[in-house]
Amino acid sequence: GKLAVGSAVGRGMLQVLREHEGGGSYRSQVELVSGEIGEDVAHYLAQSEQRRSAVLLGVLTRSFGVAAAGGFIVEVLPGAPEEVVGRLERNILAVPGVSQLVAAGGSGHVVETLLAGLDRELRETRPLRYRCRCTRDRLLRHLALLSAEERESLADEAGLIEADCVFCGRHYRYEPAELLAN
């Protein structure tokens, strides 16, 4: 009764690139443990960032298409009492599927179900958004690291190099003189 994501994904590595707001980044990777996205992200958080977490993801399909989809990451804060962690674990284990919870009552229903019986205080809410921090200059610096032969193989007849950001798909064009100046 569920999509066999793990069988489709198979074995391999999960690579994460984390870029910091003020600049700088780091990359880490862990081996996939199951091919199930939620389990593999939770494994990454435990191994690479030493965070106790549960990652719940789901897509509820019906004959007409997708009825609901959603996901949550629940992390245990350092110093959390074991009785709180135990209650949270019991709540999570009782969830039939995050997509069913979303379909039954939206994200608020999921939060209420996951945190049932726990004291909590809402501090802030913000809308979810994706923002790529790519810039024309940043991609140019990457292209400048390529050898002259590699840049030549990427260039068209006029010497222009076209490149796309792999995260957001933004398209950039570079003149030969720009590449030589860097």
N, C-alpha and C. Protein backbone atom coordinates (compact mmCIF):
# COMPACT_ATOMS: atom_id res chain seq x y z
N GLY A 1 0.79 -1.20 0.00
CA GLY A 1 0.00 0.00 0.00
C GLY A 1 0.84 1.27 0.00
N LYS A 2 2.13 1.17 -0.22
CA LYS A 2 2.94 2.38 -0.29
C LYS A 2 3.87 2.31 -1.48
N LEU A 3 4.33 3.49 -1.89
CA LEU A 3 5.26 3.54 -3.01
C LEU A 3 6.60 2.94 -2.59
N ALA A 4 7.18 2.12 -3.43
CA ALA A 4 8.44 1.44 -3.13
C ALA A 4 9.63 2.32 -3.54
N VAL A 5 9.79 3.43 -2.82
CA VAL A 5 10.85 4.38 -3.14
C VAL A 5 12.22 3.73 -2.96
N GLY A 6 12.39 2.98 -1.88
CA GLY A 6 13.68 2.35 -1.59
C GLY A 6 14.15 1.46 -2.71
N SER A 7 13.24 0.67 -3.29
CA SER A 7 13.66 -0.21 -4.39
C SER A 7 14.03 0.58 -5.63
N ALA A 8 13.35 1.71 -5.84
CA ALA A 8 13.66 2.53 -7.01
C ALA A 8 14.98 3.26 -6.85
N VAL A 9 15.26 3.74 -5.62
CA VAL A 9 16.48 4.50 -5.36
C VAL A 9 17.68 3.56 -5.34
N GLY A 10 17.55 2.44 -4.65
CA GLY A 10 18.66 1.49 -4.59
C GLY A 10 19.73 1.92 -3.61
N ARG A 11 20.94 1.46 -3.84
CA ARG A 11 22.09 1.75 -2.97
C ARG A 11 22.88 2.91 -3.52
N GLY A 12 23.65 3.54 -2.66
CA GLY A 12 24.48 4.66 -3.10
C GLY A 12 24.84 5.54 -1.93
N MET A 13 25.12 6.79 -2.23
CA MET A 13 25.55 7.75 -1.22
C MET A 13 24.60 8.95 -1.21
N LEU A 14 24.39 9.52 -0.03
CA LEU A 14 23.66 10.76 0.12
C LEU A 14 24.70 11.84 0.36
N GLN A 15 24.76 12.81 -0.53
CA GLN A 15 25.71 13.91 -0.40
C GLN A 15 24.95 15.18 -0.07
N VAL A 16 25.45 15.92 0.91
CA VAL A 16 24.82 17.17 1.33
C VAL A 16 25.83 18.28 1.22
N LEU A 17 25.44 19.36 0.55
CA LEU A 17 26.25 20.57 0.46
C LEU A 17 25.53 21.62 1.29
N ARG A 18 26.17 22.10 2.33
CA ARG A 18 25.57 23.11 3.20
C ARG A 18 26.34 24.40 2.99
N GLU A 19 25.63 25.43 2.51
CA GLU A 19 26.24 26.73 2.30
C GLU A 19 25.79 27.67 3.41
N HIS A 20 26.73 28.41 3.96
CA HIS A 20 26.43 29.33 5.05
C HIS A 20 26.09 30.70 4.50
N GLU A 21 25.21 31.38 5.21
CA GLU A 21 24.72 32.70 4.79
C GLU A 21 25.86 33.68 4.53
N GLY A 22 26.86 33.71 5.39
CA GLY A 22 27.96 34.66 5.24
C GLY A 22 29.06 34.17 4.31
N GLY A 23 28.86 33.07 3.65
CA GLY A 23 29.89 32.51 2.78
C GLY A 23 30.45 31.24 3.39
N GLY A 24 31.15 30.50 2.60
CA GLY A 24 31.70 29.24 3.05
C GLY A 24 30.69 28.12 2.94
N SER A 25 31.20 26.93 2.85
CA SER A 25 30.32 25.77 2.73
C SER A 25 31.07 24.53 3.17
N TYR A 26 30.34 23.46 3.38
CA TYR A 26 30.98 22.17 3.57
C TYR A 26 30.09 21.10 2.97
N ARG A 27 30.73 20.03 2.60
CA ARG A 27 30.06 18.91 1.95
C ARG A 27 30.32 17.67 2.79
N SER A 28 29.29 16.88 2.99
CA SER A 28 29.47 15.61 3.68
C SER A 28 28.62 14.56 2.99
N GLN A 29 28.94 13.31 3.29
CA GLN A 29 28.18 12.24 2.65
C GLN A 29 28.12 11.03 3.58
N VAL A 30 27.03 10.29 3.43
CA VAL A 30 26.85 9.03 4.14
C VAL A 30 26.29 8.02 3.15
N GLU A 31 26.49 6.78 3.47
CA GLU A 31 25.94 5.71 2.64
C GLU A 31 24.44 5.62 2.87
N LEU A 32 23.68 5.38 1.81
CA LEU A 32 22.24 5.17 1.96
C LEU A 32 22.03 3.90 2.77
N VAL A 33 21.10 3.94 3.72
CA VAL A 33 20.83 2.76 4.53
C VAL A 33 19.66 1.96 3.99
N SER A 34 18.74 2.62 3.28
CA SER A 34 17.56 1.89 2.81
C SER A 34 17.06 2.36 1.45
N GLY A 35 17.43 3.53 1.03
CA GLY A 35 16.85 4.10 -0.19
C GLY A 35 15.56 4.85 0.09
N GLU A 36 15.01 4.69 1.29
CA GLU A 36 13.83 5.46 1.70
C GLU A 36 14.32 6.84 2.13
N ILE A 37 13.82 7.88 1.52
CA ILE A 37 14.38 9.22 1.70
C ILE A 37 14.38 9.65 3.17
N GLY A 38 13.28 9.47 3.87
CA GLY A 38 13.20 9.88 5.27
C GLY A 38 14.22 9.16 6.13
N GLU A 39 14.33 7.85 5.98
CA GLU A 39 15.30 7.07 6.77
C GLU A 39 16.73 7.50 6.46
N ASP A 40 17.01 7.75 5.20
CA ASP A 40 18.36 8.12 4.82
C ASP A 40 18.74 9.52 5.29
N VAL A 41 17.78 10.46 5.30
CA VAL A 41 18.06 11.80 5.82
C VAL A 41 18.25 11.73 7.33
N ALA A 42 17.44 10.95 8.04
CA ALA A 42 17.61 10.79 9.49
C ALA A 42 18.97 10.17 9.79
N HIS A 43 19.39 9.20 8.99
CA HIS A 43 20.72 8.58 9.15
C HIS A 43 21.82 9.62 8.94
N TYR A 44 21.66 10.46 7.92
CA TYR A 44 22.63 11.53 7.68
C TYR A 44 22.72 12.45 8.90
N LEU A 45 21.56 12.89 9.42
CA LEU A 45 21.55 13.80 10.57
C LEU A 45 22.24 13.17 11.78
N ALA A 46 22.03 11.88 11.99
CA ALA A 46 22.65 11.19 13.12
C ALA A 46 24.16 11.05 12.92
N GLN A 47 24.57 10.67 11.72
CA GLN A 47 25.99 10.40 11.46
C GLN A 47 26.81 11.67 11.27
N SER A 48 26.34 12.58 10.44
CA SER A 48 27.14 13.75 10.07
C SER A 48 26.96 14.94 11.00
N GLU A 49 25.79 15.07 11.59
CA GLU A 49 25.54 16.25 12.42
C GLU A 49 25.23 15.88 13.87
N GLN A 50 25.28 14.58 14.19
CA GLN A 50 25.03 14.08 15.53
C GLN A 50 23.73 14.63 16.11
N ARG A 51 22.67 14.56 15.32
CA ARG A 51 21.35 15.03 15.75
C ARG A 51 20.39 13.85 15.82
N ARG A 52 19.74 13.67 16.96
CA ARG A 52 18.69 12.66 17.08
C ARG A 52 17.46 13.23 16.41
N SER A 53 16.95 12.53 15.44
CA SER A 53 15.81 13.08 14.70
C SER A 53 14.96 11.96 14.12
N ALA A 54 13.78 12.36 13.74
CA ALA A 54 12.89 11.51 12.95
C ALA A 54 12.49 12.32 11.73
N VAL A 55 12.54 11.69 10.58
CA VAL A 55 12.17 12.36 9.34
C VAL A 55 10.98 11.60 8.78
N LEU A 56 9.87 12.31 8.66
CA LEU A 56 8.64 11.69 8.16
C LEU A 56 8.29 12.33 6.83
N LEU A 57 8.20 11.52 5.81
CA LEU A 57 7.84 11.99 4.47
C LEU A 57 6.77 11.07 3.92
N GLY A 58 5.88 11.63 3.15
CA GLY A 58 4.88 10.76 2.55
C GLY A 58 4.13 11.41 1.40
N VAL A 59 3.68 10.56 0.51
CA VAL A 59 2.83 10.96 -0.61
C VAL A 59 1.65 10.00 -0.61
N LEU A 60 0.46 10.55 -0.49
CA LEU A 60 -0.76 9.75 -0.50
C LEU A 60 -1.35 9.82 -1.89
N THR A 61 -1.35 8.69 -2.58
CA THR A 61 -1.87 8.66 -3.95
C THR A 61 -3.27 8.08 -3.96
N ARG A 62 -4.02 8.54 -4.89
CA ARG A 62 -5.37 8.04 -5.15
C ARG A 62 -5.47 7.79 -6.65
N SER A 63 -6.56 7.21 -7.08
CA SER A 63 -6.72 6.91 -8.51
C SER A 63 -6.68 8.17 -9.37
N PHE A 64 -7.02 9.33 -8.79
CA PHE A 64 -7.03 10.58 -9.55
C PHE A 64 -5.69 11.31 -9.47
N GLY A 65 -4.74 10.82 -8.66
CA GLY A 65 -3.44 11.47 -8.54
C GLY A 65 -3.03 11.59 -7.08
N VAL A 66 -2.29 12.62 -6.76
CA VAL A 66 -1.79 12.83 -5.40
C VAL A 66 -2.86 13.51 -4.57
N ALA A 67 -3.25 12.87 -3.47
CA ALA A 67 -4.26 13.44 -2.57
C ALA A 67 -3.62 14.30 -1.50
N ALA A 68 -2.42 13.94 -1.05
CA ALA A 68 -1.72 14.71 -0.02
C ALA A 68 -0.26 14.34 -0.05
N ALA A 69 0.58 15.28 0.29
CA ALA A 69 2.01 15.03 0.41
C ALA A 69 2.56 15.95 1.48
N GLY A 70 3.53 15.48 2.21
CA GLY A 70 4.10 16.33 3.24
C GLY A 70 5.30 15.68 3.88
N GLY A 71 5.93 16.44 4.74
CA GLY A 71 7.09 15.94 5.44
C GLY A 71 7.41 16.80 6.64
N PHE A 72 8.02 16.18 7.64
CA PHE A 72 8.44 16.87 8.84
C PHE A 72 9.75 16.29 9.31
N ILE A 73 10.56 17.15 9.90
CA ILE A 73 11.76 16.71 10.61
C ILE A 73 11.56 17.11 12.06
N VAL A 74 11.65 16.14 12.93
CA VAL A 74 11.53 16.38 14.36
C VAL A 74 12.90 16.07 14.96
N GLU A 75 13.50 17.07 15.62
CA GLU A 75 14.81 16.89 16.23
C GLU A 75 14.70 17.04 17.74
N VAL A 76 15.46 16.23 18.44
CA VAL A 76 15.53 16.30 19.89
C VAL A 76 16.62 17.29 20.25
N LEU A 77 16.27 18.27 21.06
CA LEU A 77 17.26 19.26 21.48
C LEU A 77 18.20 18.66 22.53
N PRO A 78 19.44 19.12 22.54
CA PRO A 78 20.38 18.63 23.55
C PRO A 78 19.82 18.85 24.96
N GLY A 79 19.99 17.86 25.80
CA GLY A 79 19.53 17.98 27.18
C GLY A 79 18.07 17.67 27.40
N ALA A 80 17.37 17.24 26.35
CA ALA A 80 15.94 16.91 26.51
C ALA A 80 15.82 15.71 27.46
N PRO A 81 14.88 15.78 28.42
CA PRO A 81 14.69 14.65 29.35
C PRO A 81 14.26 13.39 28.59
N GLU A 82 14.73 12.25 29.05
CA GLU A 82 14.43 10.99 28.38
C GLU A 82 12.94 10.68 28.35
N GLU A 83 12.17 11.12 29.37
CA GLU A 83 10.72 10.88 29.34
C GLU A 83 10.06 11.66 28.22
N VAL A 84 10.58 12.84 27.90
CA VAL A 84 10.05 13.62 26.77
C VAL A 84 10.41 12.93 25.47
N VAL A 85 11.65 12.46 25.37
CA VAL A 85 12.09 11.75 24.16
C VAL A 85 11.26 10.49 23.97
N GLY A 86 11.01 9.77 25.06
CA GLY A 86 10.21 8.55 24.98
C GLY A 86 8.79 8.83 24.50
N ARG A 87 8.18 9.90 25.02
CA ARG A 87 6.83 10.26 24.59
C ARG A 87 6.81 10.62 23.11
N LEU A 88 7.81 11.39 22.69
CA LEU A 88 7.91 11.77 21.28
C LEU A 88 8.07 10.53 20.40
N GLU A 89 8.92 9.60 20.81
CA GLU A 89 9.11 8.36 20.04
C GLU A 89 7.81 7.57 19.94
N ARG A 90 7.06 7.47 21.05
CA ARG A 90 5.78 6.75 21.01
C ARG A 90 4.80 7.44 20.07
N ASN A 91 4.75 8.76 20.11
CA ASN A 91 3.86 9.50 19.21
C ASN A 91 4.22 9.24 17.75
N ILE A 92 5.50 9.27 17.45
CA ILE A 92 5.94 9.07 16.06
C ILE A 92 5.65 7.65 15.61
N LEU A 93 5.90 6.67 16.46
CA LEU A 93 5.64 5.27 16.09
C LEU A 93 4.15 5.00 15.86
N ALA A 94 3.28 5.80 16.47
CA ALA A 94 1.84 5.61 16.32
C ALA A 94 1.30 6.24 15.03
N VAL A 95 2.12 7.02 14.34
CA VAL A 95 1.67 7.70 13.11
C VAL A 95 1.55 6.67 11.99
N PRO A 96 0.35 6.54 11.39
CA PRO A 96 0.19 5.58 10.30
C PRO A 96 0.94 6.00 9.05
N GLY A 97 1.08 7.28 8.86
CA GLY A 97 1.78 7.84 7.70
C GLY A 97 1.55 9.34 7.69
N VAL A 98 2.60 10.09 7.44
CA VAL A 98 2.49 11.55 7.51
C VAL A 98 1.52 12.06 6.44
N SER A 99 1.45 11.41 5.29
CA SER A 99 0.54 11.88 4.25
C SER A 99 -0.92 11.69 4.67
N GLN A 100 -1.22 10.63 5.42
CA GLN A 100 -2.58 10.44 5.92
C GLN A 100 -2.93 11.54 6.93
N LEU A 101 -1.95 11.92 7.78
CA LEU A 101 -2.19 13.00 8.73
C LEU A 101 -2.43 14.32 8.02
N VAL A 102 -1.65 14.59 7.00
CA VAL A 102 -1.82 15.83 6.23
C VAL A 102 -3.20 15.84 5.59
N ALA A 103 -3.58 14.71 5.00
CA ALA A 103 -4.89 14.62 4.35
C ALA A 103 -6.02 14.81 5.36
N ALA A 104 -5.81 14.34 6.59
CA ALA A 104 -6.86 14.42 7.62
C ALA A 104 -7.02 15.81 8.20
N GLY A 105 -5.97 16.63 8.17
CA GLY A 105 -6.14 17.93 8.81
C GLY A 105 -5.02 18.93 8.59
N GLY A 106 -4.18 18.71 7.64
CA GLY A 106 -3.12 19.67 7.34
C GLY A 106 -1.95 19.61 8.29
N SER A 107 -1.04 20.56 8.15
CA SER A 107 0.19 20.53 8.92
C SER A 107 -0.05 20.73 10.41
N GLY A 108 -1.06 21.52 10.78
CA GLY A 108 -1.37 21.71 12.19
C GLY A 108 -1.76 20.41 12.86
N HIS A 109 -2.49 19.58 12.15
CA HIS A 109 -2.89 18.27 12.67
C HIS A 109 -1.67 17.38 12.88
N VAL A 110 -0.71 17.46 11.97
CA VAL A 110 0.51 16.65 12.10
C VAL A 110 1.28 17.09 13.36
N VAL A 111 1.44 18.38 13.53
CA VAL A 111 2.17 18.89 14.70
C VAL A 111 1.47 18.46 15.98
N GLU A 112 0.15 18.61 16.04
CA GLU A 112 -0.61 18.21 17.23
C GLU A 112 -0.43 16.72 17.52
N THR A 113 -0.43 15.90 16.49
CA THR A 113 -0.29 14.45 16.67
C THR A 113 1.12 14.10 17.14
N LEU A 114 2.13 14.68 16.51
CA LEU A 114 3.51 14.35 16.87
C LEU A 114 3.88 14.84 18.26
N LEU A 115 3.34 15.97 18.67
CA LEU A 115 3.71 16.56 19.96
C LEU A 115 2.65 16.39 21.03
N ALA A 116 1.70 15.48 20.81
CA ALA A 116 0.63 15.24 21.79
C ALA A 116 1.23 14.87 23.15
N GLY A 117 0.70 15.51 24.20
CA GLY A 117 1.14 15.21 25.55
C GLY A 117 2.44 15.90 25.95
N LEU A 118 2.98 16.75 25.10
CA LEU A 118 4.22 17.45 25.40
C LEU A 118 3.96 18.95 25.54
N ASP A 119 4.64 19.56 26.50
CA ASP A 119 4.55 21.02 26.63
C ASP A 119 5.29 21.65 25.46
N ARG A 120 4.71 22.69 24.92
CA ARG A 120 5.38 23.36 23.80
C ARG A 120 4.92 24.80 23.74
N GLU A 121 5.75 25.59 23.08
CA GLU A 121 5.45 27.01 22.92
C GLU A 121 5.83 27.39 21.50
N LEU A 122 4.88 27.95 20.77
CA LEU A 122 5.14 28.40 19.41
C LEU A 122 5.92 29.71 19.49
N ARG A 123 7.12 29.71 18.93
CA ARG A 123 7.97 30.89 18.98
C ARG A 123 7.91 31.72 17.71
N GLU A 124 7.77 31.03 16.58
CA GLU A 124 7.82 31.75 15.31
C GLU A 124 7.29 30.86 14.20
N THR A 125 6.67 31.47 13.23
CA THR A 125 6.30 30.76 12.01
C THR A 125 6.76 31.61 10.83
N ARG A 126 7.19 30.95 9.81
CA ARG A 126 7.59 31.62 8.58
C ARG A 126 7.15 30.76 7.41
N PRO A 127 6.79 31.38 6.31
CA PRO A 127 6.43 30.58 5.14
C PRO A 127 7.68 29.88 4.58
N LEU A 128 7.47 28.71 4.06
CA LEU A 128 8.54 27.96 3.43
C LEU A 128 8.88 28.59 2.10
N ARG A 129 10.16 28.74 1.85
CA ARG A 129 10.58 29.29 0.57
C ARG A 129 11.93 28.71 0.19
N TYR A 130 12.18 28.68 -1.07
CA TYR A 130 13.48 28.25 -1.58
C TYR A 130 14.16 29.45 -2.19
N ARG A 131 15.40 29.63 -1.83
CA ARG A 131 16.16 30.73 -2.39
C ARG A 131 17.56 30.22 -2.70
N CYS A 132 17.90 30.26 -3.95
CA CYS A 132 19.24 29.85 -4.35
C CYS A 132 20.15 31.07 -4.24
N ARG A 133 21.34 30.84 -3.69
CA ARG A 133 22.29 31.94 -3.54
C ARG A 133 23.32 31.96 -4.67
N CYS A 134 22.98 31.35 -5.78
CA CYS A 134 23.93 31.39 -6.89
C CYS A 134 24.01 32.81 -7.43
N THR A 135 25.16 33.14 -7.96
CA THR A 135 25.33 34.42 -8.63
C THR A 135 26.16 34.18 -9.88
N ARG A 136 26.08 35.11 -10.76
CA ARG A 136 26.86 35.02 -11.99
C ARG A 136 28.35 34.95 -11.66
N ASP A 137 28.81 35.79 -10.73
CA ASP A 137 30.23 35.82 -10.35
C ASP A 137 30.67 34.52 -9.69
N ARG A 138 29.82 33.96 -8.85
CA ARG A 138 30.18 32.70 -8.16
C ARG A 138 30.39 31.58 -9.17
N LEU A 139 29.49 31.47 -10.13
CA LEU A 139 29.64 30.42 -11.15
C LEU A 139 30.86 30.70 -12.03
N LEU A 140 31.12 31.96 -12.31
CA LEU A 140 32.30 32.32 -13.09
C LEU A 140 33.58 31.88 -12.39
N ARG A 141 33.63 32.04 -11.06
CA ARG A 141 34.81 31.60 -10.31
C ARG A 141 35.02 30.09 -10.44
N HIS A 142 33.92 29.33 -10.48
CA HIS A 142 34.03 27.88 -10.67
C HIS A 142 34.54 27.55 -12.07
N LEU A 143 34.01 28.23 -13.06
CA LEU A 143 34.45 28.00 -14.43
C LEU A 143 35.92 28.36 -14.61
N ALA A 144 36.37 29.39 -13.92
CA ALA A 144 37.76 29.83 -14.04
C ALA A 144 38.72 28.78 -13.51
N LEU A 145 38.26 27.89 -12.66
CA LEU A 145 39.11 26.83 -12.13
C LEU A 145 39.37 25.72 -13.14
N LEU A 146 38.55 25.67 -14.19
CA LEU A 146 38.73 24.65 -15.22
C LEU A 146 39.98 24.95 -16.05
N SER A 147 40.56 23.91 -16.59
CA SER A 147 41.72 24.11 -17.46
C SER A 147 41.27 24.76 -18.77
N ALA A 148 42.22 25.31 -19.48
CA ALA A 148 41.91 25.95 -20.77
C ALA A 148 41.27 24.95 -21.72
N GLU A 149 41.74 23.70 -21.70
CA GLU A 149 41.17 22.66 -22.57
C GLU A 149 39.72 22.37 -22.20
N GLU A 150 39.45 22.31 -20.90
CA GLU A 150 38.08 22.03 -20.47
C GLU A 150 37.14 23.18 -20.84
N ARG A 151 37.60 24.42 -20.66
CA ARG A 151 36.78 25.57 -21.03
C ARG A 151 36.55 25.59 -22.54
N GLU A 152 37.57 25.25 -23.30
CA GLU A 152 37.44 25.23 -24.76
C GLU A 152 36.42 24.19 -25.20
N SER A 153 36.39 23.05 -24.52
CA SER A 153 35.42 22.00 -24.89
C SER A 153 33.99 22.42 -24.57
N LEU A 154 33.81 23.33 -23.60
CA LEU A 154 32.47 23.81 -23.25
C LEU A 154 31.99 24.95 -24.13
N ALA A 155 32.92 25.65 -24.77
CA ALA A 155 32.58 26.85 -25.53
C ALA A 155 31.94 26.51 -26.87
N ASP A 156 31.06 27.41 -27.32
CA ASP A 156 30.48 27.25 -28.66
C ASP A 156 31.42 27.88 -29.68
N GLU A 157 30.97 27.99 -30.95
CA GLU A 157 31.82 28.51 -32.02
C GLU A 157 32.30 29.94 -31.75
N ALA A 158 31.49 30.72 -31.06
CA ALA A 158 31.85 32.12 -30.78
C ALA A 158 32.69 32.24 -29.51
N GLY A 159 32.96 31.10 -28.85
CA GLY A 159 33.74 31.14 -27.63
C GLY A 159 32.92 31.36 -26.37
N LEU A 160 31.60 31.50 -26.52
CA LEU A 160 30.72 31.68 -25.36
C LEU A 160 30.55 30.37 -24.61
N ILE A 161 30.49 30.48 -23.30
CA ILE A 161 30.19 29.31 -22.47
C ILE A 161 28.86 29.59 -21.78
N GLU A 162 27.95 28.64 -21.92
CA GLU A 162 26.67 28.72 -21.25
C GLU A 162 26.67 27.71 -20.11
N ALA A 163 26.19 28.15 -18.96
CA ALA A 163 26.19 27.27 -17.80
C ALA A 163 24.89 27.48 -17.01
N ASP A 164 24.44 26.42 -16.38
CA ASP A 164 23.22 26.47 -15.57
C ASP A 164 23.56 26.12 -14.13
N CYS A 165 22.92 26.79 -13.19
CA CYS A 165 23.05 26.44 -11.78
C CYS A 165 22.33 25.11 -11.58
N VAL A 166 23.00 24.15 -10.95
CA VAL A 166 22.39 22.84 -10.76
C VAL A 166 21.30 22.86 -9.69
N PHE A 167 21.24 23.91 -8.87
CA PHE A 167 20.23 23.97 -7.81
C PHE A 167 18.94 24.64 -8.26
N CYS A 168 19.05 25.79 -8.95
CA CYS A 168 17.83 26.52 -9.30
C CYS A 168 17.57 26.56 -10.81
N GLY A 169 18.56 26.17 -11.61
CA GLY A 169 18.37 26.15 -13.06
C GLY A 169 18.61 27.47 -13.74
N ARG A 170 19.02 28.52 -13.00
CA ARG A 170 19.29 29.81 -13.61
C ARG A 170 20.37 29.65 -14.67
N HIS A 171 20.19 30.33 -15.78
CA HIS A 171 21.07 30.20 -16.94
C HIS A 171 22.01 31.40 -17.03
N TYR A 172 23.28 31.13 -17.27
CA TYR A 172 24.29 32.18 -17.40
C TYR A 172 25.08 31.99 -18.69
N ARG A 173 25.52 33.13 -19.27
CA ARG A 173 26.38 33.11 -20.47
C ARG A 173 27.63 33.92 -20.17
N TYR A 174 28.77 33.38 -20.60
CA TYR A 174 30.04 34.03 -20.32
C TYR A 174 30.82 34.24 -21.62
N GLU A 175 31.37 35.43 -21.74
CA GLU A 175 32.23 35.79 -22.88
C GLU A 175 33.64 35.23 -22.62
N PRO A 176 34.38 34.94 -23.69
CA PRO A 176 35.75 34.43 -23.51
C PRO A 176 36.63 35.37 -22.67
N ALA A 177 36.47 36.67 -22.84
CA ALA A 177 37.29 37.63 -22.10
C ALA A 177 37.02 37.55 -20.59
N GLU A 178 35.78 37.26 -20.21
CA GLU A 178 35.46 37.14 -18.78
C GLU A 178 36.22 35.99 -18.15
N LEU A 179 36.28 34.90 -18.88
CA LEU A 179 36.95 33.71 -18.35
C LEU A 179 38.45 33.92 -18.25
N LEU A 180 39.03 34.65 -19.20
CA LEU A 180 40.46 34.90 -19.19
C LEU A 180 40.84 35.87 -18.08
N ALA A 181 39.94 36.77 -17.72
CA ALA A 181 40.23 37.77 -16.68
C ALA A 181 40.25 37.16 -15.29
N ASN A 182 39.70 35.98 -15.12
CA ASN A 182 39.64 35.35 -13.79
C ASN A 182 40.68 34.29 -13.60
